[in-house]
Amino acid sequence: MDIVSRKENKLLNRVEINFRWQHEGQATPSRKAVMDLVRTLEPGSNPDCIVVKECHTRFGQPLTTGKAFIYADVGSMTVEPEYIHKRHEQFRSASPAPAKEGGDE
């Protein structure tokens, strides 16, 4: 995997990476494989704070390009839409339990 560009976005407390991955002789990489590789490119990053925003594979070519965001903490991830959180919750180590509201317990 090659990093095309890397930008630190201090306002949103994240690192934005555009990548290119030549996967000749292999299947199209899964979202989990991309997340694991991004984690190795940014040492010390929390795997629960990585979001793969875009991932495009070229038809007939072993080339995948995309964009990944690495947040500094879970609290900074509130800027992401709910569907992004749902898309990545299967890769998180422990999903936070939803808060119960006003029960008679």
C-alpha atoms as a PDB file:
ATOM      1  CA  MET A   1       0.000   0.000   0.000  1.00  0.00           C
ATOM      2  CA  ASP A   2       1.267   3.451  -0.921  1.00  0.00           C
ATOM      3  CA  ILE A   3       0.223   6.654   0.786  1.00  0.00           C
ATOM      4  CA  VAL A   4      -0.724   9.170  -1.905  1.00  0.00           C
ATOM      5  CA  SER A   5      -1.277  11.974   0.602  1.00  0.00           C
ATOM      6  CA  ARG A   6      -1.353  12.399   4.367  1.00  0.00           C
ATOM      7  CA  LYS A   7      -2.928  15.403   6.042  1.00  0.00           C
ATOM      8  CA  GLU A   8      -3.321  16.220   9.715  1.00  0.00           C
ATOM      9  CA  ASN A   9      -6.681  17.864  10.298  1.00  0.00           C
ATOM     10  CA  LYS A  10      -6.310  19.443  13.726  1.00  0.00           C
ATOM     11  CA  LEU A  11      -9.788  20.987  13.651  1.00  0.00           C
ATOM     12  CA  LEU A  12     -11.445  17.554  13.464  1.00  0.00           C
ATOM     13  CA  ASN A  13      -8.680  15.834  15.479  1.00  0.00           C
ATOM     14  CA  ARG A  14      -7.841  13.271  12.787  1.00  0.00           C
ATOM     15  CA  VAL A  15      -5.272  12.217  10.194  1.00  0.00           C
ATOM     16  CA  GLU A  16      -6.601  11.870   6.637  1.00  0.00           C
ATOM     17  CA  ILE A  17      -4.854   9.375   4.370  1.00  0.00           C
ATOM     18  CA  ASN A  18      -5.405   8.823   0.638  1.00  0.00           C
ATOM     19  CA  PHE A  19      -3.982   5.460  -0.391  1.00  0.00           C
ATOM     20  CA  ARG A  20      -3.263   3.247  -3.407  1.00  0.00           C
ATOM     21  CA  TRP A  21      -3.007  -0.503  -3.070  1.00  0.00           C
ATOM     22  CA  GLN A  22      -1.692  -2.739  -5.871  1.00  0.00           C
ATOM     23  CA  HIS A  23      -2.978  -6.239  -5.032  1.00  0.00           C
ATOM     24  CA  GLU A  24      -1.781  -8.218  -8.021  1.00  0.00           C
ATOM     25  CA  GLY A  25      -2.531 -11.919  -7.800  1.00  0.00           C
ATOM     26  CA  GLN A  26      -4.827 -11.387  -4.806  1.00  0.00           C
ATOM     27  CA  ALA A  27      -8.533 -10.818  -4.310  1.00  0.00           C
ATOM     28  CA  THR A  28      -9.987  -7.362  -3.766  1.00  0.00           C
ATOM     29  CA  PRO A  29      -9.062  -6.375  -0.210  1.00  0.00           C
ATOM     30  CA  SER A  30     -11.817  -6.337   2.392  1.00  0.00           C
ATOM     31  CA  ARG A  31     -12.601  -3.301   4.536  1.00  0.00           C
ATOM     32  CA  LYS A  32     -11.008  -5.092   7.512  1.00  0.00           C
ATOM     33  CA  ALA A  33      -7.795  -5.712   5.529  1.00  0.00           C
ATOM     34  CA  VAL A  34      -7.657  -2.023   4.584  1.00  0.00           C
ATOM     35  CA  MET A  35      -8.213  -1.000   8.214  1.00  0.00           C
ATOM     36  CA  ASP A  36      -5.438  -3.336   9.399  1.00  0.00           C
ATOM     37  CA  LEU A  37      -2.997  -2.001   6.820  1.00  0.00           C
ATOM     38  CA  VAL A  38      -3.841   1.612   7.651  1.00  0.00           C
ATOM     39  CA  ARG A  39      -3.166   0.796  11.298  1.00  0.00           C
ATOM     40  CA  THR A  40       0.331  -0.414  10.426  1.00  0.00           C
ATOM     41  CA  LEU A  41       0.973   2.761   8.414  1.00  0.00           C
ATOM     42  CA  GLU A  42       0.100   4.925  11.441  1.00  0.00           C
ATOM     43  CA  PRO A  43       1.849   3.351  14.443  1.00  0.00           C
ATOM     44  CA  GLY A  44       0.123   3.930  17.760  1.00  0.00           C
ATOM     45  CA  SER A  45      -3.312   4.410  16.224  1.00  0.00           C
ATOM     46  CA  ASN A  46      -6.351   2.924  17.938  1.00  0.00           C
ATOM     47  CA  PRO A  47      -8.077   0.379  15.640  1.00  0.00           C
ATOM     48  CA  ASP A  48     -11.455   1.505  17.034  1.00  0.00           C
ATOM     49  CA  CYS A  49     -10.790   5.025  15.722  1.00  0.00           C
ATOM     50  CA  ILE A  50     -10.079   4.128  12.076  1.00  0.00           C
ATOM     51  CA  VAL A  51     -12.731   4.865   9.456  1.00  0.00           C
ATOM     52  CA  VAL A  52     -12.414   3.800   5.815  1.00  0.00           C
ATOM     53  CA  LYS A  53     -14.442   6.417   3.967  1.00  0.00           C
ATOM     54  CA  GLU A  54     -13.885   5.480   0.335  1.00  0.00           C
ATOM     55  CA  CYS A  55     -12.614   2.319  -1.287  1.00  0.00           C
ATOM     56  CA  HIS A  56     -12.687   1.930  -5.081  1.00  0.00           C
ATOM     57  CA  THR A  57     -11.325  -1.008  -7.059  1.00  0.00           C
ATOM     58  CA  ARG A  58     -10.705  -0.552 -10.780  1.00  0.00           C
ATOM     59  CA  PHE A  59     -12.500  -3.010 -13.041  1.00  0.00           C
ATOM     60  CA  GLY A  60     -10.012  -5.438 -14.542  1.00  0.00           C
ATOM     61  CA  GLN A  61      -7.073  -3.977 -12.634  1.00  0.00           C
ATOM     62  CA  PRO A  62      -5.519  -5.031  -9.343  1.00  0.00           C
ATOM     63  CA  LEU A  63      -5.661  -1.446  -8.023  1.00  0.00           C
ATOM     64  CA  THR A  64      -7.702  -0.146  -5.098  1.00  0.00           C
ATOM     65  CA  THR A  65      -7.699   3.500  -4.063  1.00  0.00           C
ATOM     66  CA  GLY A  66      -9.425   5.120  -1.143  1.00  0.00           C
ATOM     67  CA  LYS A  67      -9.477   7.420   1.817  1.00  0.00           C
ATOM     68  CA  ALA A  68      -9.145   6.582   5.504  1.00  0.00           C
ATOM     69  CA  PHE A  69      -9.498   8.745   8.603  1.00  0.00           C
ATOM     70  CA  ILE A  70      -7.638   8.012  11.825  1.00  0.00           C
ATOM     71  CA  TYR A  71      -9.180   9.829  14.777  1.00  0.00           C
ATOM     72  CA  ALA A  72      -7.251  10.646  17.935  1.00  0.00           C
ATOM     73  CA  ASP A  73     -10.061   9.401  20.199  1.00  0.00           C
ATOM     74  CA  VAL A  74     -13.560   7.960  20.053  1.00  0.00           C
ATOM     75  CA  GLY A  75     -15.116  11.282  21.107  1.00  0.00           C
ATOM     76  CA  SER A  76     -13.798  12.967  17.969  1.00  0.00           C
ATOM     77  CA  MET A  77     -15.664  10.484  15.783  1.00  0.00           C
ATOM     78  CA  THR A  78     -19.024  12.149  16.481  1.00  0.00           C
ATOM     79  CA  VAL A  79     -18.629  14.143  13.233  1.00  0.00           C
ATOM     80  CA  GLU A  80     -19.129  10.936  11.237  1.00  0.00           C
ATOM     81  CA  PRO A  81     -22.705  10.112  10.138  1.00  0.00           C
ATOM     82  CA  GLU A  82     -24.569   7.282  11.861  1.00  0.00           C
ATOM     83  CA  TYR A  83     -24.379   4.985   8.810  1.00  0.00           C
ATOM     84  CA  ILE A  84     -20.571   5.130   8.944  1.00  0.00           C
ATOM     85  CA  HIS A  85     -20.630   4.027  12.594  1.00  0.00           C
ATOM     86  CA  LYS A  86     -22.991   1.159  11.715  1.00  0.00           C
ATOM     87  CA  ARG A  87     -20.767   0.141   8.782  1.00  0.00           C
ATOM     88  CA  HIS A  88     -17.709  -0.105  11.041  1.00  0.00           C
ATOM     89  CA  GLU A  89     -19.248  -1.461  14.255  1.00  0.00           C
ATOM     90  CA  GLN A  90     -18.515  -5.086  13.286  1.00  0.00           C
ATOM     91  CA  PHE A  91     -14.789  -4.231  13.297  1.00  0.00           C
ATOM     92  CA  ARG A  92     -14.769  -2.509  16.696  1.00  0.00           C
ATOM     93  CA  SER A  93     -13.440  -4.363  19.718  1.00  0.00           C
ATOM     94  CA  ALA A  94     -16.427  -3.437  21.904  1.00  0.00           C
ATOM     95  CA  SER A  95     -19.413  -1.428  20.735  1.00  0.00           C
ATOM     96  CA  PRO A  96     -20.773   0.891  23.402  1.00  0.00           C
ATOM     97  CA  ALA A  97     -24.100  -0.239  24.821  1.00  0.00           C
ATOM     98  CA  PRO A  98     -27.004   2.098  24.108  1.00  0.00           C
ATOM     99  CA  ALA A  99     -28.089   4.190  27.084  1.00  0.00           C
ATOM    100  CA  LYS A 100     -31.414   3.274  28.659  1.00  0.00           C
ATOM    101  CA  GLU A 101     -33.907   6.047  29.093  1.00  0.00           C
ATOM    102  CA  GLY A 102     -36.134   6.565  32.123  1.00  0.00           C
ATOM    103  CA  GLY A 103     -36.995   2.973  33.036  1.00  0.00           C
ATOM    104  CA  ASP A 104     -38.781   1.880  36.242  1.00  0.00           C
ATOM    105  CA  GLU A 105     -35.930  -0.369  37.275  1.00  0.00           C
END
